[in-house]
């Protein structure tokens, strides 16, 4: 329940070049250490997404935008968006929005949490992110605004 709004399915991917100090998942940095994502795993995700009370899926890791992951994550996100248009897709990446806003995958993402985790900016009261440099971006509103370099923030930074 800490990976986005509502109850969500979470897919953790292996592969990250950011290697943030005090990362909560350093075991996911090596793209060769993960478990193979096969048809059985995909069916499991879709079986969970079939449930009415599941709000959507969150891609996390590692980094879903790591070169070892990006194409497969995009294909899966596209399929999920087509099959479940009412479910949201969240994606966590260490990359900044300004570096990735024009990637084809963004058209399938509803909310993006961007930026590397920075331990010196860590704040446990932040909503959906670990450090204050990160942003929780409403991707579709940002893309529709026509001002991609001025991202629309999804929610307030702090829990009340």
C-alpha atoms as a PDB file:
ATOM      1  CA  UNK A   1       0.000   0.000   0.000  1.00  0.00           C
ATOM      2  CA  UNK A   2       3.040   2.279   0.016  1.00  0.00           C
ATOM      3  CA  UNK A   3       3.612   1.996  -3.732  1.00  0.00           C
ATOM      4  CA  UNK A   4       0.888   4.340  -4.948  1.00  0.00           C
ATOM      5  CA  UNK A   5      -2.765   5.186  -4.453  1.00  0.00           C
ATOM      6  CA  UNK A   6      -5.040   2.330  -3.389  1.00  0.00           C
ATOM      7  CA  UNK A   7      -4.304  -1.381  -3.349  1.00  0.00           C
ATOM      8  CA  UNK A   8      -1.817  -2.189  -6.080  1.00  0.00           C
ATOM      9  CA  UNK A   9       0.048  -4.962  -7.796  1.00  0.00           C
ATOM     10  CA  UNK A  10       3.786  -4.244  -7.711  1.00  0.00           C
ATOM     11  CA  UNK A  11       6.342  -5.570 -10.166  1.00  0.00           C
ATOM     12  CA  UNK A  12       9.902  -5.231  -8.894  1.00  0.00           C
ATOM     13  CA  UNK A  13      12.459  -5.349 -11.695  1.00  0.00           C
ATOM     14  CA  UNK A  14      16.188  -6.031 -11.535  1.00  0.00           C
ATOM     15  CA  UNK A  15      18.651  -3.565 -13.005  1.00  0.00           C
ATOM     16  CA  UNK A  16      19.631  -0.108 -11.813  1.00  0.00           C
ATOM     17  CA  UNK A  17      22.539   2.141 -12.721  1.00  0.00           C
ATOM     18  CA  UNK A  18      21.745   4.801 -10.108  1.00  0.00           C
ATOM     19  CA  UNK A  19      23.010   2.780  -7.101  1.00  0.00           C
ATOM     20  CA  UNK A  20      21.745   5.326  -4.589  1.00  0.00           C
ATOM     21  CA  UNK A  21      23.461   5.450  -1.201  1.00  0.00           C
ATOM     22  CA  UNK A  22      21.307   3.612   1.372  1.00  0.00           C
ATOM     23  CA  UNK A  23      18.942   2.315  -1.312  1.00  0.00           C
ATOM     24  CA  UNK A  24      16.204   0.128   0.187  1.00  0.00           C
ATOM     25  CA  UNK A  25      16.645  -2.480  -2.579  1.00  0.00           C
ATOM     26  CA  UNK A  26      20.333  -2.797  -3.527  1.00  0.00           C
ATOM     27  CA  UNK A  27      19.751  -6.463  -4.358  1.00  0.00           C
ATOM     28  CA  UNK A  28      17.842  -5.218  -7.426  1.00  0.00           C
ATOM     29  CA  UNK A  29      20.765  -3.314  -8.949  1.00  0.00           C
ATOM     30  CA  UNK A  30      22.177  -6.256 -10.906  1.00  0.00           C
ATOM     31  CA  UNK A  31      19.976  -6.955 -13.953  1.00  0.00           C
ATOM     32  CA  UNK A  32      21.073 -10.603 -13.903  1.00  0.00           C
ATOM     33  CA  UNK A  33      19.947 -11.313 -10.312  1.00  0.00           C
ATOM     34  CA  UNK A  34      16.209 -11.189 -10.821  1.00  0.00           C
ATOM     35  CA  UNK A  35      13.743 -13.975 -11.388  1.00  0.00           C
ATOM     36  CA  UNK A  36      12.774 -14.498 -15.017  1.00  0.00           C
ATOM     37  CA  UNK A  37       9.476 -12.818 -15.885  1.00  0.00           C
ATOM     38  CA  UNK A  38       7.612 -15.584 -17.679  1.00  0.00           C
ATOM     39  CA  UNK A  39       4.038 -16.296 -18.784  1.00  0.00           C
ATOM     40  CA  UNK A  40       3.169 -17.636 -15.330  1.00  0.00           C
ATOM     41  CA  UNK A  41       4.270 -14.377 -13.684  1.00  0.00           C
ATOM     42  CA  UNK A  42       2.362 -12.357 -16.259  1.00  0.00           C
ATOM     43  CA  UNK A  43      -0.800 -14.411 -15.656  1.00  0.00           C
ATOM     44  CA  UNK A  44      -0.404 -13.811 -11.922  1.00  0.00           C
ATOM     45  CA  UNK A  45      -0.275 -10.049 -12.479  1.00  0.00           C
ATOM     46  CA  UNK A  46      -3.334 -10.108 -14.734  1.00  0.00           C
ATOM     47  CA  UNK A  47      -5.231 -12.347 -12.281  1.00  0.00           C
ATOM     48  CA  UNK A  48      -4.623  -9.730  -9.592  1.00  0.00           C
ATOM     49  CA  UNK A  49      -5.520  -6.823 -11.880  1.00  0.00           C
ATOM     50  CA  UNK A  50      -8.823  -8.591 -12.673  1.00  0.00           C
ATOM     51  CA  UNK A  51      -9.933  -7.906  -9.097  1.00  0.00           C
ATOM     52  CA  UNK A  52     -12.177  -4.857  -8.772  1.00  0.00           C
ATOM     53  CA  UNK A  53     -10.512  -3.654  -5.580  1.00  0.00           C
ATOM     54  CA  UNK A  54      -7.035  -3.486  -7.157  1.00  0.00           C
ATOM     55  CA  UNK A  55      -6.325   0.104  -8.260  1.00  0.00           C
ATOM     56  CA  UNK A  56      -3.521  -0.690 -10.674  1.00  0.00           C
ATOM     57  CA  UNK A  57       0.110  -1.662 -10.988  1.00  0.00           C
ATOM     58  CA  UNK A  58       3.338  -0.068  -9.832  1.00  0.00           C
ATOM     59  CA  UNK A  59       6.637  -0.737 -11.568  1.00  0.00           C
ATOM     60  CA  UNK A  60       9.562  -0.425  -9.182  1.00  0.00           C
ATOM     61  CA  UNK A  61      12.924  -1.991  -8.635  1.00  0.00           C
ATOM     62  CA  UNK A  62      15.787  -1.489  -9.456  1.00  0.00           C
ATOM     63  CA  UNK A  63      14.742   0.848 -12.197  1.00  0.00           C
ATOM     64  CA  UNK A  64      12.034  -0.042 -14.707  1.00  0.00           C
ATOM     65  CA  UNK A  65      13.703   2.360 -17.159  1.00  0.00           C
ATOM     66  CA  UNK A  66      17.069   0.580 -16.979  1.00  0.00           C
ATOM     67  CA  UNK A  67      18.077  -0.509 -20.509  1.00  0.00           C
ATOM     68  CA  UNK A  68      17.542  -4.166 -19.542  1.00  0.00           C
ATOM     69  CA  UNK A  69      13.934  -3.418 -18.561  1.00  0.00           C
ATOM     70  CA  UNK A  70      12.539  -0.528 -20.532  1.00  0.00           C
ATOM     71  CA  UNK A  71      11.193  -2.314 -23.607  1.00  0.00           C
ATOM     72  CA  UNK A  72       9.603  -5.182 -21.682  1.00  0.00           C
ATOM     73  CA  UNK A  73       8.073  -2.811 -19.127  1.00  0.00           C
ATOM     74  CA  UNK A  74       6.687  -0.630 -21.918  1.00  0.00           C
ATOM     75  CA  UNK A  75       5.113  -3.600 -23.711  1.00  0.00           C
ATOM     76  CA  UNK A  76       3.549  -4.813 -20.464  1.00  0.00           C
ATOM     77  CA  UNK A  77       2.335  -1.321 -19.522  1.00  0.00           C
ATOM     78  CA  UNK A  78       0.724  -0.926 -22.962  1.00  0.00           C
ATOM     79  CA  UNK A  79      -1.049  -4.260 -22.625  1.00  0.00           C
ATOM     80  CA  UNK A  80      -2.254  -3.424 -19.119  1.00  0.00           C
ATOM     81  CA  UNK A  81      -3.506   0.019 -20.188  1.00  0.00           C
ATOM     82  CA  UNK A  82      -5.415  -1.525 -23.107  1.00  0.00           C
ATOM     83  CA  UNK A  83      -6.969  -4.314 -21.032  1.00  0.00           C
ATOM     84  CA  UNK A  84      -7.585  -2.263 -17.870  1.00  0.00           C
ATOM     85  CA  UNK A  85      -8.098   1.369 -18.921  1.00  0.00           C
ATOM     86  CA  UNK A  86      -9.552   2.231 -15.503  1.00  0.00           C
ATOM     87  CA  UNK A  87      -6.501   0.998 -13.595  1.00  0.00           C
ATOM     88  CA  UNK A  88      -3.550   3.293 -12.966  1.00  0.00           C
ATOM     89  CA  UNK A  89       0.080   2.642 -13.782  1.00  0.00           C
ATOM     90  CA  UNK A  90       2.724   4.059 -11.469  1.00  0.00           C
ATOM     91  CA  UNK A  91       6.450   3.898 -12.195  1.00  0.00           C
ATOM     92  CA  UNK A  92       9.427   4.645  -9.943  1.00  0.00           C
ATOM     93  CA  UNK A  93      12.693   5.659 -11.601  1.00  0.00           C
ATOM     94  CA  UNK A  94      15.953   7.220 -10.513  1.00  0.00           C
ATOM     95  CA  UNK A  95      15.925   9.302 -13.684  1.00  0.00           C
ATOM     96  CA  UNK A  96      14.611  12.854 -13.664  1.00  0.00           C
ATOM     97  CA  UNK A  97      11.430  13.626 -15.610  1.00  0.00           C
ATOM     98  CA  UNK A  98      13.332  16.064 -17.814  1.00  0.00           C
ATOM     99  CA  UNK A  99      15.513  13.162 -19.017  1.00  0.00           C
ATOM    100  CA  UNK A 100      12.678  10.779 -19.868  1.00  0.00           C
ATOM    101  CA  UNK A 101       9.511  12.780 -20.613  1.00  0.00           C
ATOM    102  CA  UNK A 102       9.746  12.097 -24.346  1.00  0.00           C
ATOM    103  CA  UNK A 103      10.194   8.319 -24.061  1.00  0.00           C
ATOM    104  CA  UNK A 104       7.367   6.315 -25.674  1.00  0.00           C
ATOM    105  CA  UNK A 105       6.577   4.583 -22.356  1.00  0.00           C
ATOM    106  CA  UNK A 106       5.276   7.820 -20.809  1.00  0.00           C
ATOM    107  CA  UNK A 107       2.007   7.590 -22.738  1.00  0.00           C
ATOM    108  CA  UNK A 108       1.111   4.520 -20.632  1.00  0.00           C
ATOM    109  CA  UNK A 109       2.170   5.880 -17.232  1.00  0.00           C
ATOM    110  CA  UNK A 110      -0.290   7.715 -15.003  1.00  0.00           C
ATOM    111  CA  UNK A 111       2.055   8.648 -12.164  1.00  0.00           C
ATOM    112  CA  UNK A 112       5.849   8.769 -12.176  1.00  0.00           C
ATOM    113  CA  UNK A 113       8.049   9.118  -9.118  1.00  0.00           C
ATOM    114  CA  UNK A 114      11.291  10.534 -10.435  1.00  0.00           C
ATOM    115  CA  UNK A 115      14.774  11.219  -9.170  1.00  0.00           C
ATOM    116  CA  UNK A 116      17.444   9.350  -7.297  1.00  0.00           C
ATOM    117  CA  UNK A 117      16.947   8.668  -3.606  1.00  0.00           C
ATOM    118  CA  UNK A 118      19.238  11.011  -1.664  1.00  0.00           C
ATOM    119  CA  UNK A 119      19.802   9.935   1.927  1.00  0.00           C
ATOM    120  CA  UNK A 120      20.691  13.489   2.995  1.00  0.00           C
ATOM    121  CA  UNK A 121      17.194  14.565   1.836  1.00  0.00           C
ATOM    122  CA  UNK A 122      15.367  11.564   3.340  1.00  0.00           C
ATOM    123  CA  UNK A 123      12.074  12.375   5.046  1.00  0.00           C
ATOM    124  CA  UNK A 124       9.800   9.589   6.285  1.00  0.00           C
ATOM    125  CA  UNK A 125       6.773  11.932   6.220  1.00  0.00           C
ATOM    126  CA  UNK A 126       6.888  12.334   2.450  1.00  0.00           C
ATOM    127  CA  UNK A 127       4.089  10.801   0.422  1.00  0.00           C
ATOM    128  CA  UNK A 128       5.090   8.072  -2.068  1.00  0.00           C
ATOM    129  CA  UNK A 129       8.774   9.027  -2.124  1.00  0.00           C
ATOM    130  CA  UNK A 130      11.836   8.733   0.075  1.00  0.00           C
ATOM    131  CA  UNK A 131      13.666  12.023  -0.356  1.00  0.00           C
ATOM    132  CA  UNK A 132      12.566  15.601  -0.951  1.00  0.00           C
ATOM    133  CA  UNK A 133      14.290  15.936  -4.333  1.00  0.00           C
ATOM    134  CA  UNK A 134      11.948  13.332  -5.821  1.00  0.00           C
ATOM    135  CA  UNK A 135       8.642  14.312  -7.418  1.00  0.00           C
ATOM    136  CA  UNK A 136       5.335  12.481  -7.763  1.00  0.00           C
ATOM    137  CA  UNK A 137       4.266  13.561 -11.238  1.00  0.00           C
ATOM    138  CA  UNK A 138       0.864  13.256 -12.907  1.00  0.00           C
ATOM    139  CA  UNK A 139       2.235  12.184 -16.275  1.00  0.00           C
ATOM    140  CA  UNK A 140      -0.939  12.411 -18.337  1.00  0.00           C
ATOM    141  CA  UNK A 141      -1.851  15.905 -17.089  1.00  0.00           C
ATOM    142  CA  UNK A 142       1.726  16.996 -17.728  1.00  0.00           C
ATOM    143  CA  UNK A 143       1.723  15.641 -21.287  1.00  0.00           C
ATOM    144  CA  UNK A 144      -1.699  17.186 -22.015  1.00  0.00           C
ATOM    145  CA  UNK A 145      -0.555  20.569 -20.689  1.00  0.00           C
ATOM    146  CA  UNK A 146       1.922  20.896 -23.539  1.00  0.00           C
ATOM    147  CA  UNK A 147       4.507  22.077 -21.024  1.00  0.00           C
ATOM    148  CA  UNK A 148       6.459  18.901 -20.419  1.00  0.00           C
ATOM    149  CA  UNK A 149       9.320  20.767 -18.759  1.00  0.00           C
ATOM    150  CA  UNK A 150       6.901  21.980 -16.066  1.00  0.00           C
ATOM    151  CA  UNK A 151       5.501  18.735 -14.604  1.00  0.00           C
ATOM    152  CA  UNK A 152       2.129  18.657 -12.857  1.00  0.00           C
ATOM    153  CA  UNK A 153       2.496  17.281  -9.336  1.00  0.00           C
ATOM    154  CA  UNK A 154       0.119  14.409  -8.468  1.00  0.00           C
ATOM    155  CA  UNK A 155      -0.379  15.103  -4.759  1.00  0.00           C
ATOM    156  CA  UNK A 156       0.881  17.140  -1.806  1.00  0.00           C
ATOM    157  CA  UNK A 157       4.327  16.162  -0.551  1.00  0.00           C
ATOM    158  CA  UNK A 158       3.424  15.354   3.023  1.00  0.00           C
ATOM    159  CA  UNK A 159       0.995  13.052   4.757  1.00  0.00           C
ATOM    160  CA  UNK A 160      -1.431  14.919   6.969  1.00  0.00           C
END
